[in-house]
Amino acid sequence: MNKKISILLLILTLCAVLTACGQKKSPANTTKPNAATKPTAENKTANSKLFGANLLKNGGAESGNSAPWTSGDELKTFDYNGGWGDAWQVTPPNKGEKFFYVKVSATTPSVAFSQEFDVSEINKEIDAASVGYNSGAWFGVRGVAAGRLKVEFYDANKALISRPKEDTDATEKVTSANKPDDVTLIEKNRSGDVPAGTRKIKVTLEFYLFEEISKENEGESPLADNLSFVLINKGDK
């Protein structure tokens, strides 16, 4: 009996050895990662966070203060329902709860607030004339004063890059001839190209008295809301 068991075990062992020998060896995995999927410096630049987003911080006054706009102690915020209630005729569709306002007068006929952006990381696209911009805001007139949004471009030496004329990179100036009614905000936009050599961009919110107004004007409080400045990669189609 023991002899039969030994023979059976021997047969089973031989079968196992023959089966193992008959199996083909799988080739080693020599596939290399696709190098094209690795982000290059060029791709990172094209996908810069500077493109496609509103670069202005607190463009809608919703923080309740003026930071980070410069001269913030003069730029005020106010609630839409704080004084006029339902008297508003036209407002931005996504106005939020607050807007900016400021005091201008004969002694201070214009005031300005700005934000600056370093755009040196997209210098290749800028110098290839592949970067444009869209800027805009909603402005309200109080009597004889209004506002506009201006854009200035500076090179690596912090020198202003000249443009053909003053209003090339500014929203249309509201005047006594084209002003809207009180308690009304109107949208003004301007698009343009970022000039080659630009390494810093300055966006300025400017409020002003109408030029023809008497020097005895005691003051007005023009309004602004939903300010935006967006860089566009024109080569990204």
Protein backbone atom coordinates (compact mmCIF):
# COMPACT_ATOMS: atom_id res chain seq x y z
CA MET A 1 0.00 0.00 0.00
CA ASN A 2 2.79 2.39 0.94
CA LYS A 3 4.53 1.54 -2.29
CA LYS A 4 1.48 2.54 -4.31
CA ILE A 5 1.27 5.87 -2.52
CA SER A 6 4.96 6.57 -3.17
CA ILE A 7 4.53 5.85 -6.88
CA LEU A 8 1.49 8.12 -7.04
CA LEU A 9 3.36 10.97 -5.38
CA LEU A 10 6.24 10.52 -7.80
CA ILE A 11 3.90 10.73 -10.79
CA LEU A 12 2.25 13.90 -9.48
CA THR A 13 5.65 15.54 -8.90
CA LEU A 14 6.80 14.73 -12.45
CA CYS A 15 3.58 16.22 -13.89
CA ALA A 16 4.11 19.43 -11.97
CA VAL A 17 7.69 19.74 -13.22
CA LEU A 18 6.69 19.14 -16.84
CA THR A 19 3.89 21.71 -16.63
CA ALA A 20 6.22 24.38 -15.26
CA CYS A 21 8.78 23.75 -17.97
CA GLY A 22 6.16 24.00 -20.69
CA GLN A 23 5.02 27.50 -19.64
CA LYS A 24 6.42 30.42 -21.67
CA LYS A 25 8.24 33.11 -19.81
CA SER A 26 6.46 36.46 -19.96
CA PRO A 27 8.61 39.24 -21.45
CA ALA A 28 9.74 41.97 -19.11
CA ASN A 29 7.70 45.19 -19.22
CA THR A 30 9.97 47.58 -21.07
CA THR A 31 7.31 50.18 -21.81
CA LYS A 32 8.52 53.65 -20.87
CA PRO A 33 6.27 56.43 -19.58
CA ASN A 34 4.97 58.71 -22.30
CA ALA A 35 7.32 61.66 -22.21
CA ALA A 36 4.71 63.85 -23.91
CA THR A 37 2.52 63.78 -20.82
CA LYS A 38 5.17 65.47 -18.72
CA PRO A 39 4.42 69.21 -18.49
CA THR A 40 7.09 71.36 -20.06
CA ALA A 41 8.03 74.88 -19.05
CA GLU A 42 6.32 76.13 -22.21
CA ASN A 43 3.05 74.38 -21.34
CA LYS A 44 3.17 75.74 -17.80
CA THR A 45 3.47 79.26 -19.18
CA ALA A 46 0.57 78.77 -21.58
CA ASN A 47 -1.55 77.53 -18.68
CA SER A 48 -0.55 80.41 -16.41
CA LYS A 49 -3.10 81.48 -13.81
CA LEU A 50 -2.70 84.98 -15.22
CA PHE A 51 -4.92 83.99 -18.14
CA GLY A 52 -8.70 83.89 -18.08
CA ALA A 53 -9.39 85.12 -14.54
CA ASN A 54 -10.24 88.52 -13.11
CA LEU A 55 -6.92 89.76 -11.76
CA LEU A 56 -8.47 92.60 -9.78
CA LYS A 57 -8.92 91.82 -6.11
CA ASN A 58 -12.06 93.13 -4.42
CA GLY A 59 -13.42 94.40 -7.72
CA GLY A 60 -16.97 94.32 -6.40
CA ALA A 61 -16.49 96.06 -3.02
CA GLU A 62 -17.95 92.99 -1.31
CA SER A 63 -15.21 92.92 1.35
CA GLY A 64 -16.73 96.07 2.82
CA ASN A 65 -13.44 97.97 2.52
CA SER A 66 -11.16 99.17 -0.25
CA ALA A 67 -8.15 96.87 0.17
CA PRO A 68 -6.02 96.20 -1.84
CA TRP A 69 -6.76 99.35 -3.89
CA THR A 70 -4.18 102.04 -3.14
CA SER A 71 -5.24 105.15 -1.21
CA GLY A 72 -7.85 102.92 0.29
CA ASP A 73 -8.70 105.37 3.07
CA GLU A 74 -10.49 107.55 0.49
CA LEU A 75 -12.34 104.85 -1.44
CA LYS A 76 -15.59 103.99 0.33
CA THR A 77 -18.16 101.20 0.07
CA PHE A 78 -21.91 101.38 0.48
CA ASP A 79 -24.87 98.96 0.50
CA TYR A 80 -27.28 98.95 -2.42
CA ASN A 81 -30.14 98.96 0.07
CA GLY A 82 -28.48 101.44 2.38
CA GLY A 83 -29.93 104.64 0.98
CA TRP A 84 -31.89 104.17 -2.23
CA GLY A 85 -33.65 100.87 -1.55
CA ASP A 86 -35.88 100.03 -4.54
CA ALA A 87 -35.12 103.33 -6.28
CA TRP A 88 -32.32 101.77 -8.38
CA GLN A 89 -33.13 101.87 -12.09
CA VAL A 90 -30.25 99.79 -13.49
CA THR A 91 -27.60 97.74 -11.66
CA PRO A 92 -25.20 94.93 -12.64
CA PRO A 93 -26.97 91.55 -12.89
CA ASN A 94 -24.56 90.07 -10.33
CA LYS A 95 -24.07 93.22 -8.26
CA GLY A 96 -23.78 91.60 -4.85
CA GLU A 97 -24.56 93.80 -1.85
CA LYS A 98 -22.08 96.67 -2.11
CA PHE A 99 -20.51 99.19 -4.48
CA PHE A 100 -17.67 101.74 -4.36
CA TYR A 101 -18.09 105.49 -4.13
CA VAL A 102 -15.79 108.45 -3.52
CA LYS A 103 -16.01 112.18 -2.90
CA VAL A 104 -14.78 114.58 -5.60
CA SER A 105 -15.12 118.36 -5.54
CA ALA A 106 -13.75 121.56 -7.01
CA THR A 107 -10.77 121.34 -4.68
CA THR A 108 -10.22 117.65 -5.51
CA PRO A 109 -11.63 117.24 -9.05
CA SER A 110 -10.19 113.77 -9.58
CA VAL A 111 -8.99 110.85 -7.48
CA ALA A 112 -7.48 107.54 -8.54
CA PHE A 113 -6.95 104.08 -7.05
CA SER A 114 -4.89 101.29 -8.57
CA GLN A 115 -3.68 97.70 -8.49
CA GLU A 116 -0.53 96.34 -10.16
CA PHE A 117 0.35 92.93 -11.59
CA ASP A 118 3.69 91.32 -12.41
CA VAL A 119 3.29 89.53 -15.76
CA SER A 120 6.92 88.61 -16.39
CA GLU A 121 6.11 84.88 -16.27
CA ILE A 122 4.22 85.21 -19.58
CA ASN A 123 6.89 87.37 -21.24
CA LYS A 124 7.23 85.02 -24.25
CA GLU A 125 3.55 85.28 -25.11
CA ILE A 126 3.56 89.05 -24.56
CA ASP A 127 6.59 89.64 -26.76
CA ALA A 128 5.05 87.43 -29.45
CA ALA A 129 1.98 89.72 -29.49
CA SER A 130 -0.19 86.84 -28.28
CA VAL A 131 -1.72 88.47 -25.20
CA GLY A 132 -4.83 90.64 -25.15
CA TYR A 133 -6.98 91.98 -22.35
CA ASN A 134 -10.59 92.76 -21.48
CA SER A 135 -11.33 95.40 -18.86
CA GLY A 136 -14.59 96.81 -17.63
CA ALA A 137 -16.78 98.08 -14.82
CA TRP A 138 -20.20 99.52 -14.03
CA PHE A 139 -20.26 103.25 -13.30
CA GLY A 140 -22.83 105.51 -11.70
CA VAL A 141 -23.07 109.27 -11.97
CA ARG A 142 -23.95 111.50 -9.03
CA GLY A 143 -24.85 114.84 -10.55
CA VAL A 144 -21.68 116.03 -12.30
CA ALA A 145 -19.08 113.32 -11.62
CA ALA A 146 -18.30 109.83 -12.96
CA GLY A 147 -15.54 107.25 -13.26
CA ARG A 148 -13.56 105.12 -15.70
CA LEU A 149 -11.01 102.27 -15.72
CA LYS A 150 -7.53 102.84 -17.17
CA VAL A 151 -4.72 100.39 -17.99
CA GLU A 152 -1.00 101.19 -18.17
CA PHE A 153 1.89 98.97 -19.24
CA TYR A 154 5.46 99.06 -17.90
CA ASP A 155 8.66 97.40 -19.09
CA ALA A 156 11.32 95.55 -17.07
CA ASN A 157 12.91 98.89 -16.15
CA LYS A 158 9.57 100.13 -14.74
CA ALA A 159 9.29 102.64 -17.60
CA LEU A 160 5.83 103.39 -18.98
CA ILE A 161 5.31 101.98 -22.47
CA SER A 162 3.83 104.78 -24.55
CA ARG A 163 0.58 104.27 -26.45
CA PRO A 164 -0.84 106.15 -29.46
CA LYS A 165 -3.27 108.26 -27.40
CA GLU A 166 -4.44 108.68 -23.83
CA ASP A 167 -7.73 106.79 -24.17
CA THR A 168 -6.27 103.80 -26.02
CA ASP A 169 -6.48 101.66 -22.89
CA ALA A 170 -9.33 103.21 -20.93
CA THR A 171 -13.08 102.66 -20.80
CA GLU A 172 -15.17 105.36 -22.46
CA LYS A 173 -15.23 108.55 -20.43
CA VAL A 174 -18.67 109.45 -19.15
CA THR A 175 -19.49 113.14 -19.68
CA SER A 176 -22.41 115.48 -19.06
CA ALA A 177 -23.52 114.74 -22.64
CA ASN A 178 -23.75 110.95 -22.30
CA LYS A 179 -24.28 110.45 -18.58
CA PRO A 180 -27.04 108.15 -17.31
CA ASP A 181 -29.71 109.11 -14.82
CA ASP A 182 -29.01 109.10 -11.10
CA VAL A 183 -29.41 105.76 -9.28
CA THR A 184 -28.34 104.05 -12.51
CA LEU A 185 -25.16 102.11 -13.24
CA ILE A 186 -23.96 101.69 -16.84
CA GLU A 187 -21.45 99.12 -18.09
CA LYS A 188 -18.30 100.30 -19.86
CA ASN A 189 -15.77 97.87 -21.39
CA ARG A 190 -12.51 98.14 -23.27
CA SER A 191 -10.44 95.44 -24.99
CA GLY A 192 -6.93 95.75 -26.34
CA ASP A 193 -3.52 94.17 -26.81
CA VAL A 194 -0.72 93.99 -24.26
CA PRO A 195 2.30 95.65 -25.95
CA ALA A 196 5.56 93.77 -26.40
CA GLY A 197 8.04 94.39 -23.59
CA THR A 198 5.38 94.61 -20.88
CA ARG A 199 6.42 93.15 -17.53
CA LYS A 200 4.04 94.99 -15.20
CA ILE A 201 0.46 96.17 -15.67
CA LYS A 202 -1.25 98.88 -13.65
CA VAL A 203 -5.05 99.15 -13.58
CA THR A 204 -6.46 102.43 -12.25
CA LEU A 205 -9.97 103.31 -11.14
CA GLU A 206 -10.33 107.05 -11.77
CA PHE A 207 -13.17 109.30 -10.57
CA TYR A 208 -13.53 112.88 -11.82
CA LEU A 209 -15.74 115.94 -12.02
CA PHE A 210 -16.99 116.84 -15.48
CA GLU A 211 -14.60 119.40 -16.98
CA GLU A 212 -17.19 122.06 -17.67
CA ILE A 213 -18.47 122.19 -14.08
CA SER A 214 -18.10 125.39 -12.05
CA LYS A 215 -15.18 125.60 -9.66
CA GLU A 216 -17.70 126.28 -6.91
CA ASN A 217 -19.03 122.74 -6.97
CA GLU A 218 -19.15 121.48 -3.40
CA GLY A 219 -18.80 117.82 -4.23
CA GLU A 220 -20.30 114.70 -5.74
CA SER A 221 -20.02 110.97 -5.03
CA PRO A 222 -19.71 108.92 -8.25
CA LEU A 223 -20.10 105.13 -8.04
CA ALA A 224 -18.43 102.01 -9.43
CA ASP A 225 -18.96 98.25 -9.16
CA ASN A 226 -17.94 94.92 -10.71
CA LEU A 227 -14.50 96.04 -11.87
CA SER A 228 -12.60 93.46 -13.89
CA PHE A 229 -9.34 92.99 -15.79
CA VAL A 230 -8.73 89.71 -17.64
CA LEU A 231 -5.72 88.66 -19.74
CA ILE A 232 -6.42 86.59 -22.85
CA ASN A 233 -3.99 84.15 -24.46
CA LYS A 234 -4.76 84.78 -28.13
CA GLY A 235 -2.57 81.85 -29.18
CA ASP A 236 -4.71 79.40 -27.20
CA LYS A 237 -7.36 78.42 -29.77
